[in-house]
Amino acid sequence: MQSVVQSPIVSRAERAPEQVWEYPGLFRRHAAIGSTVFQPGEPRRLYRVESGAICHYIRSADGQYEVIEFAFPGDIIGLGCLATHVSTAKAMVDTYVSAITDADLDRALTDDNRLFFRLAEAGEREFDYLRNRSVKADLLPPAQRVANFLLAIANMNASGGRELIVTDDVSSGYVAEQLQVSLDTLAMVLLSLRRSGVLDVSDSGLRIVDIAALETLAAGA
């Protein structure tokens, strides 16, 4: 069960110097108490907790810290679909973790139903993170908000190497409300993106043709 607290279990501090050992097929890492295993913006890596305990949390839009889970020996952390982490994992006590591969995760998923649901929850959490980022600033131009929203949807659909297809009905009044734009404005932005060659229509939904152009628009460049 998730809970919301005013600050993480351990105080935020500079990363302690870490030791890394390499074994055949295994990278073992020491995380001293209070040190960070990963944090938002860092390239995604998967870890298995070998000993100790990890507090895994995310900072919400209002600045509070929402505890996602506590991880103990045998648990895998760092789950998600995006290329970078959106949450933080911090050692509650002296801890050792091992870096694992996607293949290791696939093998673990075959025998662990709980892990499957944790992976699904991580994907939903990332979607919420990207969606909130796309609408958090009222001053963002409508086209920029739409671009961020499309990227959020496409990134979720693209997990596992699938094509960048937006299968959801993004022209609906619900989406317009979420993006804080009028339905007419949303339709105009989507039409403009199609005319400029960024989007195309397929049988499966909207296909992102020029991902680089959409990312540039989303960044406001």
N, C-alpha and C. Protein backbone atom coordinates (compact mmCIF):
# COMPACT_ATOMS: atom_id res chain seq x y z
N MET A 1 0.85 -1.19 0.00
CA MET A 1 0.00 0.00 0.00
C MET A 1 0.88 1.24 0.00
N GLN A 2 0.54 2.20 -0.82
CA GLN A 2 1.31 3.42 -0.91
C GLN A 2 0.93 4.36 0.23
N SER A 3 1.88 5.16 0.65
CA SER A 3 1.61 6.17 1.66
C SER A 3 2.35 7.43 1.29
N VAL A 4 1.86 8.56 1.78
CA VAL A 4 2.46 9.84 1.48
C VAL A 4 3.07 10.40 2.75
N VAL A 5 4.32 10.79 2.68
CA VAL A 5 5.01 11.36 3.82
C VAL A 5 5.63 12.68 3.41
N GLN A 6 6.04 13.47 4.38
CA GLN A 6 6.59 14.79 4.07
C GLN A 6 8.02 14.71 3.57
N SER A 7 8.75 13.68 3.94
CA SER A 7 10.13 13.54 3.50
C SER A 7 10.45 12.07 3.42
N PRO A 8 11.47 11.66 2.63
CA PRO A 8 11.80 10.25 2.54
C PRO A 8 12.31 9.72 3.87
N ILE A 9 12.38 8.41 3.98
CA ILE A 9 12.74 7.77 5.22
C ILE A 9 14.13 8.20 5.69
N VAL A 10 15.03 8.38 4.74
CA VAL A 10 16.37 8.84 5.09
C VAL A 10 16.57 10.20 4.48
N SER A 11 17.39 11.01 5.09
CA SER A 11 17.60 12.38 4.61
C SER A 11 18.30 12.40 3.29
N ARG A 12 18.00 13.39 2.48
CA ARG A 12 18.61 13.53 1.18
C ARG A 12 20.05 13.97 1.37
N ALA A 13 20.98 13.26 0.77
CA ALA A 13 22.39 13.57 0.96
C ALA A 13 23.13 13.29 -0.32
N GLU A 14 24.36 13.75 -0.36
CA GLU A 14 25.20 13.46 -1.51
C GLU A 14 25.47 11.96 -1.52
N ARG A 15 25.64 11.42 -2.69
CA ARG A 15 25.90 10.00 -2.78
C ARG A 15 27.21 9.66 -2.06
N ALA A 16 27.14 8.61 -1.26
CA ALA A 16 28.36 8.14 -0.62
C ALA A 16 29.21 7.41 -1.65
N PRO A 17 30.54 7.44 -1.47
CA PRO A 17 31.39 6.69 -2.40
C PRO A 17 30.96 5.23 -2.41
N GLU A 18 30.91 4.65 -3.57
CA GLU A 18 30.41 3.29 -3.68
C GLU A 18 31.49 2.36 -4.17
N GLN A 19 31.35 1.09 -3.82
CA GLN A 19 32.27 0.07 -4.28
C GLN A 19 31.54 -0.82 -5.26
N VAL A 20 32.22 -1.20 -6.31
CA VAL A 20 31.60 -2.06 -7.32
C VAL A 20 32.52 -3.23 -7.58
N TRP A 21 31.98 -4.44 -7.50
CA TRP A 21 32.74 -5.62 -7.83
C TRP A 21 32.15 -6.28 -9.05
N GLU A 22 32.99 -6.84 -9.86
CA GLU A 22 32.50 -7.51 -11.08
C GLU A 22 32.75 -9.00 -10.96
N TYR A 23 31.71 -9.77 -11.17
CA TYR A 23 31.78 -11.22 -11.20
C TYR A 23 31.34 -11.67 -12.59
N PRO A 24 31.60 -12.89 -12.95
CA PRO A 24 31.10 -13.36 -14.25
C PRO A 24 29.59 -13.21 -14.34
N GLY A 25 29.13 -12.30 -15.17
CA GLY A 25 27.72 -12.08 -15.38
C GLY A 25 27.02 -11.32 -14.26
N LEU A 26 27.78 -10.78 -13.29
CA LEU A 26 27.13 -10.14 -12.15
C LEU A 26 27.94 -8.92 -11.71
N PHE A 27 27.26 -7.78 -11.54
CA PHE A 27 27.88 -6.58 -11.01
C PHE A 27 27.24 -6.31 -9.65
N ARG A 28 28.04 -6.35 -8.61
CA ARG A 28 27.51 -6.16 -7.26
C ARG A 28 27.93 -4.78 -6.77
N ARG A 29 26.98 -4.10 -6.15
CA ARG A 29 27.21 -2.72 -5.75
C ARG A 29 26.85 -2.51 -4.29
N HIS A 30 27.71 -1.77 -3.59
CA HIS A 30 27.46 -1.45 -2.19
C HIS A 30 26.80 -0.09 -2.10
N ALA A 31 25.68 -0.01 -1.38
CA ALA A 31 25.00 1.26 -1.15
C ALA A 31 24.96 1.51 0.36
N ALA A 32 25.75 2.48 0.81
CA ALA A 32 25.79 2.80 2.23
C ALA A 32 24.47 3.42 2.66
N ILE A 33 24.17 3.39 3.93
CA ILE A 33 22.92 3.94 4.43
C ILE A 33 22.79 5.41 4.01
N GLY A 34 21.63 5.75 3.44
CA GLY A 34 21.38 7.12 2.99
C GLY A 34 21.84 7.41 1.58
N SER A 35 22.56 6.48 0.94
CA SER A 35 23.03 6.73 -0.43
C SER A 35 21.97 6.32 -1.44
N THR A 36 22.05 6.91 -2.63
CA THR A 36 21.04 6.72 -3.67
C THR A 36 21.49 5.65 -4.66
N VAL A 37 20.61 4.70 -4.93
CA VAL A 37 20.89 3.68 -5.94
C VAL A 37 20.57 4.22 -7.32
N PHE A 38 19.41 4.89 -7.46
CA PHE A 38 19.10 5.61 -8.70
C PHE A 38 18.16 6.75 -8.36
N GLN A 39 18.07 7.71 -9.29
CA GLN A 39 17.22 8.87 -9.09
C GLN A 39 16.70 9.35 -10.43
N PRO A 40 15.69 10.25 -10.44
CA PRO A 40 15.09 10.69 -11.70
C PRO A 40 16.11 11.27 -12.67
N GLY A 41 15.95 10.90 -13.94
CA GLY A 41 16.81 11.42 -15.00
C GLY A 41 17.99 10.53 -15.32
N GLU A 42 18.31 9.58 -14.44
CA GLU A 42 19.44 8.69 -14.71
C GLU A 42 19.03 7.55 -15.64
N PRO A 43 19.96 7.06 -16.46
CA PRO A 43 19.64 5.94 -17.35
C PRO A 43 19.11 4.76 -16.54
N ARG A 44 18.06 4.13 -17.07
CA ARG A 44 17.43 3.04 -16.33
C ARG A 44 18.36 1.83 -16.22
N ARG A 45 18.44 1.29 -14.99
CA ARG A 45 19.11 0.03 -14.74
C ARG A 45 18.26 -0.77 -13.78
N LEU A 46 18.28 -2.06 -13.94
CA LEU A 46 17.54 -2.96 -13.05
C LEU A 46 18.48 -3.49 -11.99
N TYR A 47 17.99 -3.60 -10.76
CA TYR A 47 18.79 -4.12 -9.66
C TYR A 47 18.00 -5.14 -8.87
N ARG A 48 18.70 -6.13 -8.34
CA ARG A 48 18.11 -7.05 -7.38
C ARG A 48 18.76 -6.77 -6.03
N VAL A 49 17.93 -6.62 -5.01
CA VAL A 49 18.44 -6.38 -3.66
C VAL A 49 19.00 -7.69 -3.12
N GLU A 50 20.27 -7.68 -2.75
CA GLU A 50 20.92 -8.88 -2.22
C GLU A 50 20.90 -8.91 -0.69
N SER A 51 21.04 -7.74 -0.08
CA SER A 51 20.96 -7.64 1.38
C SER A 51 20.61 -6.21 1.74
N GLY A 52 20.05 -6.01 2.94
CA GLY A 52 19.68 -4.67 3.36
C GLY A 52 18.24 -4.33 3.00
N ALA A 53 17.97 -3.04 2.81
CA ALA A 53 16.60 -2.58 2.52
C ALA A 53 16.66 -1.27 1.75
N ILE A 54 15.73 -1.10 0.82
CA ILE A 54 15.65 0.08 -0.04
C ILE A 54 14.30 0.77 0.14
N CYS A 55 14.31 2.09 0.24
CA CYS A 55 13.09 2.88 0.19
C CYS A 55 12.95 3.44 -1.22
N HIS A 56 11.89 3.06 -1.91
CA HIS A 56 11.64 3.49 -3.28
C HIS A 56 10.50 4.49 -3.25
N TYR A 57 10.76 5.71 -3.72
CA TYR A 57 9.75 6.77 -3.61
C TYR A 57 9.81 7.69 -4.81
N ILE A 58 8.75 8.50 -4.95
CA ILE A 58 8.67 9.48 -6.03
C ILE A 58 8.21 10.79 -5.44
N ARG A 59 8.68 11.89 -5.99
CA ARG A 59 8.27 13.21 -5.51
C ARG A 59 7.08 13.67 -6.35
N SER A 60 5.99 13.99 -5.68
CA SER A 60 4.77 14.40 -6.36
C SER A 60 4.85 15.85 -6.79
N ALA A 61 3.85 16.29 -7.57
CA ALA A 61 3.85 17.65 -8.10
C ALA A 61 3.80 18.70 -7.01
N ASP A 62 3.19 18.35 -5.85
CA ASP A 62 3.08 19.32 -4.76
C ASP A 62 4.28 19.29 -3.82
N GLY A 63 5.32 18.54 -4.19
CA GLY A 63 6.56 18.54 -3.41
C GLY A 63 6.63 17.49 -2.33
N GLN A 64 5.56 16.72 -2.12
CA GLN A 64 5.60 15.68 -1.12
C GLN A 64 6.28 14.44 -1.68
N TYR A 65 6.71 13.56 -0.76
CA TYR A 65 7.35 12.32 -1.16
C TYR A 65 6.38 11.16 -0.97
N GLU A 66 6.10 10.47 -2.05
CA GLU A 66 5.17 9.34 -2.01
C GLU A 66 5.96 8.04 -2.04
N VAL A 67 5.86 7.28 -0.98
CA VAL A 67 6.57 6.00 -0.91
C VAL A 67 5.88 4.99 -1.81
N ILE A 68 6.62 4.44 -2.74
CA ILE A 68 6.09 3.44 -3.66
C ILE A 68 6.13 2.06 -3.02
N GLU A 69 7.28 1.74 -2.43
CA GLU A 69 7.45 0.42 -1.84
C GLU A 69 8.74 0.40 -1.04
N PHE A 70 8.86 -0.61 -0.20
CA PHE A 70 10.11 -0.93 0.47
C PHE A 70 10.60 -2.25 -0.12
N ALA A 71 11.85 -2.26 -0.56
CA ALA A 71 12.39 -3.45 -1.23
C ALA A 71 13.39 -4.15 -0.30
N PHE A 72 13.29 -5.47 -0.29
CA PHE A 72 14.12 -6.29 0.59
C PHE A 72 14.83 -7.37 -0.24
N PRO A 73 15.73 -8.14 0.36
CA PRO A 73 16.49 -9.14 -0.41
C PRO A 73 15.60 -10.00 -1.29
N GLY A 74 15.99 -10.10 -2.56
CA GLY A 74 15.24 -10.86 -3.55
C GLY A 74 14.36 -10.01 -4.43
N ASP A 75 14.03 -8.78 -3.99
CA ASP A 75 13.18 -7.89 -4.78
C ASP A 75 13.98 -7.24 -5.90
N ILE A 76 13.30 -7.00 -7.03
CA ILE A 76 13.91 -6.31 -8.17
C ILE A 76 13.37 -4.89 -8.20
N ILE A 77 14.27 -3.91 -8.35
CA ILE A 77 13.89 -2.51 -8.40
C ILE A 77 14.40 -1.89 -9.70
N GLY A 78 13.83 -0.74 -10.05
CA GLY A 78 14.21 -0.08 -11.29
C GLY A 78 13.29 -0.43 -12.44
N LEU A 79 12.12 -1.00 -12.14
CA LEU A 79 11.19 -1.43 -13.19
C LEU A 79 10.61 -0.23 -13.93
N GLY A 80 10.28 -0.42 -15.21
CA GLY A 80 9.67 0.63 -16.00
C GLY A 80 9.92 0.43 -17.48
N CYS A 81 9.35 1.34 -18.27
CA CYS A 81 9.46 1.28 -19.73
C CYS A 81 10.34 2.38 -20.31
N LEU A 82 10.45 3.50 -19.63
CA LEU A 82 11.19 4.64 -20.14
C LEU A 82 12.70 4.40 -20.07
N ALA A 83 13.45 5.19 -20.80
CA ALA A 83 14.91 5.04 -20.83
C ALA A 83 15.56 5.57 -19.57
N THR A 84 14.86 6.42 -18.83
CA THR A 84 15.42 6.98 -17.61
C THR A 84 14.47 6.75 -16.43
N HIS A 85 15.01 6.80 -15.24
CA HIS A 85 14.21 6.63 -14.03
C HIS A 85 13.37 7.88 -13.77
N VAL A 86 12.20 7.69 -13.17
CA VAL A 86 11.36 8.83 -12.76
C VAL A 86 11.18 8.84 -11.25
N SER A 87 11.78 7.88 -10.56
CA SER A 87 11.66 7.77 -9.11
C SER A 87 13.04 7.60 -8.50
N THR A 88 13.08 7.52 -7.18
CA THR A 88 14.34 7.43 -6.44
C THR A 88 14.35 6.18 -5.58
N ALA A 89 15.50 5.53 -5.51
CA ALA A 89 15.71 4.40 -4.61
C ALA A 89 16.87 4.74 -3.69
N LYS A 90 16.64 4.66 -2.39
CA LYS A 90 17.66 5.05 -1.42
C LYS A 90 17.79 3.97 -0.36
N ALA A 91 19.05 3.71 0.03
CA ALA A 91 19.33 2.66 1.00
C ALA A 91 18.91 3.10 2.40
N MET A 92 18.09 2.28 3.07
CA MET A 92 17.66 2.57 4.43
C MET A 92 18.68 2.08 5.44
N VAL A 93 19.40 1.04 5.08
CA VAL A 93 20.48 0.49 5.90
C VAL A 93 21.62 0.14 4.95
N ASP A 94 22.72 -0.33 5.47
CA ASP A 94 23.82 -0.77 4.62
C ASP A 94 23.30 -1.88 3.70
N THR A 95 23.45 -1.67 2.38
CA THR A 95 22.75 -2.52 1.41
C THR A 95 23.68 -2.92 0.27
N TYR A 96 23.43 -4.11 -0.27
CA TYR A 96 24.10 -4.56 -1.47
C TYR A 96 23.04 -4.88 -2.53
N VAL A 97 23.28 -4.43 -3.76
CA VAL A 97 22.40 -4.74 -4.88
C VAL A 97 23.24 -5.28 -6.03
N SER A 98 22.59 -6.06 -6.87
CA SER A 98 23.25 -6.59 -8.07
C SER A 98 22.53 -6.06 -9.30
N ALA A 99 23.28 -5.57 -10.28
CA ALA A 99 22.70 -5.14 -11.54
C ALA A 99 22.31 -6.37 -12.34
N ILE A 100 21.07 -6.37 -12.86
CA ILE A 100 20.61 -7.50 -13.66
C ILE A 100 20.20 -7.01 -15.04
N THR A 101 20.01 -7.94 -15.95
CA THR A 101 19.68 -7.62 -17.33
C THR A 101 18.19 -7.80 -17.59
N ASP A 102 17.75 -7.33 -18.75
CA ASP A 102 16.36 -7.54 -19.15
C ASP A 102 16.04 -9.03 -19.27
N ALA A 103 17.03 -9.81 -19.69
CA ALA A 103 16.82 -11.25 -19.79
C ALA A 103 16.60 -11.86 -18.41
N ASP A 104 17.33 -11.37 -17.41
CA ASP A 104 17.12 -11.84 -16.03
C ASP A 104 15.70 -11.50 -15.58
N LEU A 105 15.25 -10.30 -15.94
CA LEU A 105 13.89 -9.89 -15.56
C LEU A 105 12.85 -10.79 -16.22
N ASP A 106 13.03 -11.08 -17.50
CA ASP A 106 12.09 -11.95 -18.21
C ASP A 106 11.99 -13.32 -17.54
N ARG A 107 13.14 -13.86 -17.12
CA ARG A 107 13.13 -15.16 -16.45
C ARG A 107 12.39 -15.07 -15.11
N ALA A 108 12.63 -13.99 -14.39
CA ALA A 108 11.97 -13.82 -13.09
C ALA A 108 10.47 -13.67 -13.25
N LEU A 109 10.03 -13.02 -14.33
CA LEU A 109 8.61 -12.79 -14.56
C LEU A 109 7.84 -14.09 -14.76
N THR A 110 8.49 -15.11 -15.27
CA THR A 110 7.81 -16.38 -15.52
C THR A 110 7.41 -17.08 -14.23
N ASP A 111 8.09 -16.75 -13.12
CA ASP A 111 7.84 -17.46 -11.86
C ASP A 111 7.29 -16.56 -10.76
N ASP A 112 7.07 -15.28 -11.06
CA ASP A 112 6.70 -14.34 -9.99
C ASP A 112 5.55 -13.47 -10.47
N ASN A 113 4.33 -13.82 -10.09
CA ASN A 113 3.16 -13.04 -10.49
C ASN A 113 3.17 -11.65 -9.87
N ARG A 114 3.66 -11.54 -8.67
CA ARG A 114 3.74 -10.24 -8.00
C ARG A 114 4.64 -9.29 -8.79
N LEU A 115 5.74 -9.82 -9.31
CA LEU A 115 6.65 -8.99 -10.10
C LEU A 115 5.96 -8.48 -11.35
N PHE A 116 5.12 -9.30 -11.97
CA PHE A 116 4.39 -8.89 -13.17
C PHE A 116 3.51 -7.68 -12.86
N PHE A 117 2.79 -7.73 -11.73
CA PHE A 117 1.92 -6.61 -11.37
C PHE A 117 2.74 -5.38 -10.98
N ARG A 118 3.89 -5.57 -10.38
CA ARG A 118 4.76 -4.43 -10.05
C ARG A 118 5.27 -3.76 -11.32
N LEU A 119 5.56 -4.56 -12.34
CA LEU A 119 6.01 -4.00 -13.62
C LEU A 119 4.89 -3.19 -14.27
N ALA A 120 3.66 -3.71 -14.21
CA ALA A 120 2.52 -2.98 -14.77
C ALA A 120 2.30 -1.67 -14.01
N GLU A 121 2.43 -1.70 -12.70
CA GLU A 121 2.26 -0.49 -11.90
C GLU A 121 3.34 0.54 -12.23
N ALA A 122 4.55 0.07 -12.50
CA ALA A 122 5.64 0.99 -12.86
C ALA A 122 5.32 1.69 -14.18
N GLY A 123 4.75 0.96 -15.13
CA GLY A 123 4.37 1.58 -16.40
C GLY A 123 3.29 2.63 -16.22
N GLU A 124 2.30 2.33 -15.38
CA GLU A 124 1.24 3.30 -15.11
C GLU A 124 1.81 4.54 -14.41
N ARG A 125 2.75 4.34 -13.52
CA ARG A 125 3.37 5.46 -12.80
C ARG A 125 4.13 6.36 -13.77
N GLU A 126 4.82 5.76 -14.72
CA GLU A 126 5.56 6.56 -15.70
C GLU A 126 4.61 7.34 -16.60
N PHE A 127 3.50 6.69 -16.97
CA PHE A 127 2.52 7.40 -17.79
C PHE A 127 1.99 8.63 -17.05
N ASP A 128 1.64 8.47 -15.77
CA ASP A 128 1.16 9.59 -14.97
C ASP A 128 2.21 10.69 -14.87
N TYR A 129 3.46 10.27 -14.71
CA TYR A 129 4.56 11.24 -14.62
C TYR A 129 4.68 12.06 -15.90
N LEU A 130 4.63 11.40 -17.05
CA LEU A 130 4.78 12.10 -18.32
C LEU A 130 3.56 12.97 -18.60
N ARG A 131 2.36 12.46 -18.27
CA ARG A 131 1.16 13.25 -18.50
C ARG A 131 1.16 14.50 -17.62
N ASN A 132 1.52 14.34 -16.35
CA ASN A 132 1.55 15.49 -15.45
C ASN A 132 2.58 16.52 -15.90
N ARG A 133 3.70 16.02 -16.42
CA ARG A 133 4.73 16.94 -16.90
C ARG A 133 4.23 17.73 -18.11
N SER A 134 3.36 17.11 -18.89
CA SER A 134 2.88 17.76 -20.11
C SER A 134 1.88 18.87 -19.83
N VAL A 135 1.22 18.83 -18.66
CA VAL A 135 0.18 19.82 -18.39
C VAL A 135 0.45 20.67 -17.16
N LYS A 136 1.58 20.47 -16.51
CA LYS A 136 1.81 21.13 -15.22
C LYS A 136 1.98 22.63 -15.36
N ALA A 137 2.39 23.11 -16.52
CA ALA A 137 2.60 24.54 -16.69
C ALA A 137 1.51 25.11 -17.60
N ASP A 138 0.66 25.98 -17.02
CA ASP A 138 -0.43 26.57 -17.80
C ASP A 138 0.10 27.43 -18.94
N LEU A 139 1.34 27.89 -18.80
CA LEU A 139 1.90 28.79 -19.80
C LEU A 139 2.41 28.05 -21.04
N LEU A 140 2.47 26.74 -20.98
CA LEU A 140 2.93 25.99 -22.16
C LEU A 140 1.95 26.21 -23.31
N PRO A 141 2.45 26.50 -24.50
CA PRO A 141 1.56 26.63 -25.66
C PRO A 141 0.78 25.33 -25.88
N PRO A 142 -0.42 25.40 -26.42
CA PRO A 142 -1.23 24.20 -26.64
C PRO A 142 -0.50 23.13 -27.46
N ALA A 143 0.21 23.54 -28.50
CA ALA A 143 0.91 22.56 -29.33
C ALA A 143 1.96 21.80 -28.52
N GLN A 144 2.61 22.48 -27.58
CA GLN A 144 3.62 21.84 -26.76
C GLN A 144 2.99 20.84 -25.78
N ARG A 145 1.83 21.20 -25.24
CA ARG A 145 1.13 20.29 -24.35
C ARG A 145 0.69 19.03 -25.10
N VAL A 146 0.16 19.22 -26.30
CA VAL A 146 -0.29 18.08 -27.10
C VAL A 146 0.90 17.19 -27.46
N ALA A 147 2.02 17.79 -27.82
CA ALA A 147 3.21 17.01 -28.18
C ALA A 147 3.69 16.16 -27.01
N ASN A 148 3.72 16.75 -25.80
CA ASN A 148 4.13 15.99 -24.62
C ASN A 148 3.17 14.84 -24.34
N PHE A 149 1.89 15.10 -24.51
CA PHE A 149 0.88 14.06 -24.27
C PHE A 149 1.04 12.91 -25.27
N LEU A 150 1.24 13.25 -26.55
CA LEU A 150 1.42 12.22 -27.57
C LEU A 150 2.66 11.37 -27.28
N LEU A 151 3.73 12.03 -26.84
CA LEU A 151 4.96 11.29 -26.52
C LEU A 151 4.74 10.36 -25.34
N ALA A 152 3.96 10.82 -24.36
CA ALA A 152 3.68 9.98 -23.19
C ALA A 152 2.95 8.71 -23.62
N ILE A 153 1.92 8.87 -24.44
CA ILE A 153 1.15 7.71 -24.92
C ILE A 153 2.03 6.80 -25.77
N ALA A 154 2.77 7.40 -26.70
CA ALA A 154 3.58 6.62 -27.63
C ALA A 154 4.67 5.85 -26.91
N ASN A 155 5.29 6.46 -25.88
CA ASN A 155 6.35 5.78 -25.14
C ASN A 155 5.81 4.54 -24.44
N MET A 156 4.60 4.62 -23.93
CA MET A 156 4.01 3.46 -23.30
C MET A 156 3.72 2.37 -24.33
N ASN A 157 3.19 2.76 -25.48
CA ASN A 157 2.86 1.78 -26.52
C ASN A 157 4.10 1.18 -27.15
N ALA A 158 5.22 1.92 -27.08
CA ALA A 158 6.44 1.46 -27.75
C ALA A 158 7.25 0.50 -26.90
N SER A 159 6.85 0.27 -25.64
CA SER A 159 7.60 -0.66 -24.81
C SER A 159 7.61 -2.03 -25.45
N GLY A 160 8.79 -2.64 -25.45
CA GLY A 160 8.91 -3.94 -26.09
C GLY A 160 9.17 -3.86 -27.58
N GLY A 161 9.53 -2.67 -28.06
CA GLY A 161 9.92 -2.53 -29.44
C GLY A 161 8.79 -2.30 -30.40
N ARG A 162 7.58 -2.03 -29.89
CA ARG A 162 6.46 -1.81 -30.79
C ARG A 162 6.57 -0.46 -31.48
N GLU A 163 5.87 -0.33 -32.57
CA GLU A 163 5.89 0.90 -33.36
C GLU A 163 5.27 2.04 -32.57
N LEU A 164 5.72 3.28 -32.86
CA LEU A 164 5.21 4.44 -32.15
C LEU A 164 3.82 4.79 -32.68
N ILE A 165 2.83 4.12 -32.11
CA ILE A 165 1.43 4.29 -32.51
C ILE A 165 0.63 4.79 -31.30
N VAL A 166 -0.17 5.81 -31.52
CA VAL A 166 -1.08 6.29 -30.49
C VAL A 166 -2.46 5.72 -30.80
N THR A 167 -2.84 4.69 -30.06
CA THR A 167 -4.10 4.00 -30.34
C THR A 167 -5.29 4.68 -29.67
N ASP A 168 -5.02 5.50 -28.66
CA ASP A 168 -6.11 6.16 -27.94
C ASP A 168 -6.76 7.24 -28.81
N ASP A 169 -8.01 7.55 -28.53
CA ASP A 169 -8.72 8.61 -29.24
C ASP A 169 -8.30 9.95 -28.64
N VAL A 170 -7.28 10.56 -29.21
CA VAL A 170 -6.73 11.79 -28.63
C VAL A 170 -7.52 13.02 -29.05
N SER A 171 -8.51 12.87 -29.90
CA SER A 171 -9.30 14.02 -30.34
C SER A 171 -10.57 14.20 -29.51
N SER A 172 -10.68 13.46 -28.42
CA SER A 172 -11.89 13.49 -27.61
C SER A 172 -11.91 14.70 -26.67
N GLY A 173 -13.11 14.98 -26.18
CA GLY A 173 -13.26 16.08 -25.22
C GLY A 173 -12.54 15.79 -23.92
N TYR A 174 -12.44 14.50 -23.54
CA TYR A 174 -11.73 14.15 -22.31
C TYR A 174 -10.26 14.54 -22.39
N VAL A 175 -9.61 14.23 -23.52
CA VAL A 175 -8.20 14.58 -23.68
C VAL A 175 -8.03 16.09 -23.69
N ALA A 176 -8.92 16.80 -24.38
CA ALA A 176 -8.85 18.26 -24.40
C ALA A 176 -8.94 18.83 -22.99
N GLU A 177 -9.81 18.25 -22.18
CA GLU A 177 -9.95 18.71 -20.79
C GLU A 177 -8.68 18.45 -20.00
N GLN A 178 -8.09 17.27 -20.18
CA GLN A 178 -6.86 16.93 -19.48
C GLN A 178 -5.72 17.87 -19.85
N LEU A 179 -5.68 18.29 -21.10
CA LEU A 179 -4.61 19.17 -21.58
C LEU A 179 -4.94 20.65 -21.39
N GLN A 180 -6.15 20.91 -20.88
CA GLN A 180 -6.58 22.29 -20.62
C GLN A 180 -6.57 23.13 -21.90
N VAL A 181 -7.09 22.53 -22.97
CA VAL A 181 -7.27 23.24 -24.24
C VAL A 181 -8.69 22.98 -24.71
N SER A 182 -9.17 23.83 -25.63
CA SER A 182 -10.51 23.60 -26.19
C SER A 182 -10.44 22.46 -27.20
N LEU A 183 -11.59 21.86 -27.46
CA LEU A 183 -11.65 20.76 -28.43
C LEU A 183 -11.25 21.25 -29.82
N ASP A 184 -11.63 22.47 -30.18
CA ASP A 184 -11.26 23.03 -31.48
C ASP A 184 -9.75 23.22 -31.57
N THR A 185 -9.14 23.70 -30.48
CA THR A 185 -7.69 23.90 -30.47
C THR A 185 -6.97 22.57 -30.62
N LEU A 186 -7.43 21.54 -29.91
CA LEU A 186 -6.83 20.22 -30.02
C LEU A 186 -6.92 19.71 -31.44
N ALA A 187 -8.07 19.87 -32.09
CA ALA A 187 -8.25 19.40 -33.47
C ALA A 187 -7.32 20.14 -34.41
N MET A 188 -7.15 21.45 -34.19
CA MET A 188 -6.26 22.25 -35.04
C MET A 188 -4.81 21.82 -34.89
N VAL A 189 -4.38 21.54 -33.66
CA VAL A 189 -3.00 21.11 -33.44
C VAL A 189 -2.74 19.76 -34.10
N LEU A 190 -3.68 18.81 -33.95
CA LEU A 190 -3.50 17.50 -34.57
C LEU A 190 -3.47 17.60 -36.09
N LEU A 191 -4.32 18.46 -36.65
CA LEU A 191 -4.33 18.66 -38.09
C LEU A 191 -3.02 19.26 -38.56
N SER A 192 -2.50 20.23 -37.81
CA SER A 192 -1.23 20.86 -38.15
C SER A 192 -0.09 19.85 -38.12
N LEU A 193 -0.10 18.96 -37.13
CA LEU A 193 0.95 17.94 -37.03
C LEU A 193 0.87 16.95 -38.19
N ARG A 194 -0.34 16.65 -38.64
CA ARG A 194 -0.49 15.77 -39.79
C ARG A 194 0.00 16.45 -41.07
N ARG A 195 -0.37 17.70 -41.27
CA ARG A 195 0.04 18.43 -42.48
C ARG A 195 1.54 18.64 -42.54
N SER A 196 2.18 18.77 -41.38
CA SER A 196 3.63 18.99 -41.35
C SER A 196 4.42 17.68 -41.43
N GLY A 197 3.70 16.55 -41.48
CA GLY A 197 4.38 15.26 -41.64
C GLY A 197 4.86 14.64 -40.35
N VAL A 198 4.47 15.21 -39.21
CA VAL A 198 4.87 14.63 -37.93
C VAL A 198 4.01 13.41 -37.59
N LEU A 199 2.73 13.50 -37.90
CA LEU A 199 1.79 12.41 -37.64
C LEU A 199 1.18 11.91 -38.94
N ASP A 200 0.73 10.67 -38.90
CA ASP A 200 -0.01 10.10 -40.02
C ASP A 200 -1.10 9.21 -39.42
N VAL A 201 -2.10 8.92 -40.20
CA VAL A 201 -3.21 8.08 -39.73
C VAL A 201 -3.04 6.68 -40.30
N SER A 202 -3.14 5.68 -39.43
CA SER A 202 -3.09 4.28 -39.85
C SER A 202 -4.31 3.57 -39.32
N ASP A 203 -4.47 2.31 -39.68
CA ASP A 203 -5.60 1.53 -39.21
C ASP A 203 -5.56 1.34 -37.69
N SER A 204 -4.35 1.39 -37.13
CA SER A 204 -4.19 1.17 -35.69
C SER A 204 -4.35 2.44 -34.87
N GLY A 205 -4.29 3.60 -35.52
CA GLY A 205 -4.37 4.86 -34.81
C GLY A 205 -3.43 5.89 -35.42
N LEU A 206 -3.06 6.88 -34.62
CA LEU A 206 -2.11 7.89 -35.09
C LEU A 206 -0.70 7.33 -35.04
N ARG A 207 0.01 7.44 -36.14
CA ARG A 207 1.39 6.96 -36.20
C ARG A 207 2.33 8.15 -36.18
N ILE A 208 3.31 8.11 -35.28
CA ILE A 208 4.30 9.19 -35.20
C ILE A 208 5.36 8.93 -36.27
N VAL A 209 5.38 9.78 -37.27
CA VAL A 209 6.29 9.62 -38.40
C VAL A 209 7.64 10.27 -38.10
N ASP A 210 7.62 11.45 -37.51
CA ASP A 210 8.85 12.20 -37.24
C ASP A 210 8.97 12.41 -35.73
N ILE A 211 9.57 11.42 -35.05
CA ILE A 211 9.68 11.48 -33.59
C ILE A 211 10.57 12.63 -33.16
N ALA A 212 11.61 12.91 -33.92
CA ALA A 212 12.54 14.00 -33.56
C ALA A 212 11.83 15.35 -33.58
N ALA A 213 10.99 15.56 -34.57
CA ALA A 213 10.25 16.82 -34.67
C ALA A 213 9.26 16.96 -33.51
N LEU A 214 8.62 15.85 -33.15
CA LEU A 214 7.66 15.89 -32.04
C LEU A 214 8.38 16.15 -30.71
N GLU A 215 9.54 15.56 -30.52
CA GLU A 215 10.32 15.79 -29.30
C GLU A 215 10.80 17.23 -29.23
N THR A 216 11.16 17.80 -30.38
CA THR A 216 11.59 19.21 -30.41
C THR A 216 10.42 20.12 -30.03
N LEU A 217 9.26 19.82 -30.56
CA LEU A 217 8.07 20.61 -30.23
C LEU A 217 7.73 20.48 -28.75
N ALA A 218 7.83 19.27 -28.21
CA ALA A 218 7.50 19.04 -26.80
C ALA A 218 8.46 19.79 -25.87
N ALA A 219 9.71 19.91 -26.29
CA ALA A 219 10.70 20.61 -25.49
C ALA A 219 10.60 22.12 -25.61
N GLY A 220 9.79 22.58 -26.56
CA GLY A 220 9.63 24.02 -26.75
C GLY A 220 10.77 24.65 -27.50
N ALA A 221 11.55 23.83 -28.19
CA ALA A 221 12.70 24.36 -28.94
C ALA A 221 12.25 24.89 -30.31
